[in-house]
Amino acid sequence: MILYTTMPLETVLQGLEDLQPSYLEMEVSGARVVIEETSLGQGRIVRLLSTDPQDYLNPALQPGMTINFIPSGS
């Protein structure tokens, strides 16, 4: 990507490193998945961690699907 601007690069990229997504690993429908938390109690499946081939055929577990979960911790 080429960015044409008269602004200093530090100003353009300021705060970009603060936008790191938070990933959680949890079990959904009996399979381990990695989700990216999009809001409180809701997330998007990023990765499926399973050795069972049937889990990869489950449309509810495909990456990009939005799921609801109960956040743990404080």
Protein backbone atom coordinates (compact mmCIF):
# COMPACT_ATOMS: atom_id res chain seq x y z
CA MET A 1 0.00 0.00 0.00
CA ILE A 2 1.29 3.46 -0.87
CA LEU A 3 0.21 6.35 1.30
CA TYR A 4 0.66 9.85 -0.11
CA THR A 5 0.47 12.46 2.64
CA THR A 6 2.18 15.62 3.80
CA MET A 7 1.77 14.58 7.42
CA PRO A 8 4.71 12.98 9.27
CA LEU A 9 4.64 9.19 9.31
CA GLU A 10 4.63 9.15 13.14
CA THR A 11 1.38 11.14 13.13
CA VAL A 12 -0.29 8.91 10.56
CA LEU A 13 0.62 5.67 12.36
CA GLN A 14 0.06 7.00 15.89
CA GLY A 15 -1.98 4.58 18.01
CA LEU A 16 -1.80 1.76 15.48
CA GLU A 17 0.12 -0.51 17.85
CA ASP A 18 -2.65 -0.12 20.46
CA LEU A 19 -5.17 -1.87 18.20
CA GLN A 20 -3.97 -5.41 18.90
CA PRO A 21 -6.95 -7.79 19.02
CA SER A 22 -7.46 -10.00 22.05
CA TYR A 23 -7.73 -13.70 21.29
CA LEU A 24 -9.33 -16.32 23.53
CA GLU A 25 -9.10 -20.09 23.27
CA MET A 26 -12.26 -21.88 24.31
CA GLU A 27 -14.41 -24.91 23.63
CA VAL A 28 -17.46 -24.54 21.39
CA SER A 29 -19.67 -27.51 20.53
CA GLY A 30 -17.01 -29.90 21.83
CA ALA A 31 -14.18 -28.43 19.70
CA ARG A 32 -11.39 -26.03 20.67
CA VAL A 33 -11.50 -22.72 18.79
CA VAL A 34 -9.61 -19.44 18.92
CA ILE A 35 -11.93 -16.45 18.93
CA GLU A 36 -11.35 -12.72 18.62
CA GLU A 37 -13.49 -10.83 21.10
CA THR A 38 -15.53 -8.22 19.22
CA SER A 39 -17.70 -7.04 22.10
CA LEU A 40 -18.58 -8.14 25.61
CA GLY A 41 -19.90 -11.68 25.33
CA GLN A 42 -19.53 -11.91 21.57
CA GLY A 43 -16.66 -12.98 19.36
CA ARG A 44 -15.64 -14.11 15.89
CA ILE A 45 -14.06 -17.52 15.27
CA VAL A 46 -10.54 -17.06 13.96
CA ARG A 47 -9.19 -20.60 14.04
CA LEU A 48 -10.37 -24.14 14.68
CA LEU A 49 -8.03 -26.32 16.78
CA SER A 50 -9.23 -29.87 16.31
CA THR A 51 -7.95 -33.22 15.12
CA ASP A 52 -11.43 -34.46 14.26
CA PRO A 53 -12.17 -34.00 10.53
CA GLN A 54 -15.92 -33.80 11.26
CA ASP A 55 -15.37 -30.54 13.18
CA TYR A 56 -14.06 -28.89 10.00
CA LEU A 57 -17.29 -29.84 8.20
CA ASN A 58 -19.45 -28.17 10.85
CA PRO A 59 -20.63 -24.81 9.42
CA ALA A 60 -21.11 -23.40 12.93
CA LEU A 61 -17.36 -23.70 13.58
CA GLN A 62 -16.01 -22.15 10.40
CA PRO A 63 -13.77 -19.06 10.72
CA GLY A 64 -15.66 -15.80 10.54
CA MET A 65 -18.75 -17.09 12.35
CA THR A 66 -19.95 -14.94 15.24
CA ILE A 67 -20.62 -16.71 18.53
CA ASN A 68 -21.91 -15.65 21.93
CA PHE A 69 -20.04 -16.72 25.04
CA ILE A 70 -19.89 -16.02 28.74
CA PRO A 71 -16.64 -14.21 29.56
CA SER A 72 -14.65 -15.79 32.36
CA GLY A 73 -12.35 -14.07 34.80
CA SER A 74 -12.89 -10.80 36.58
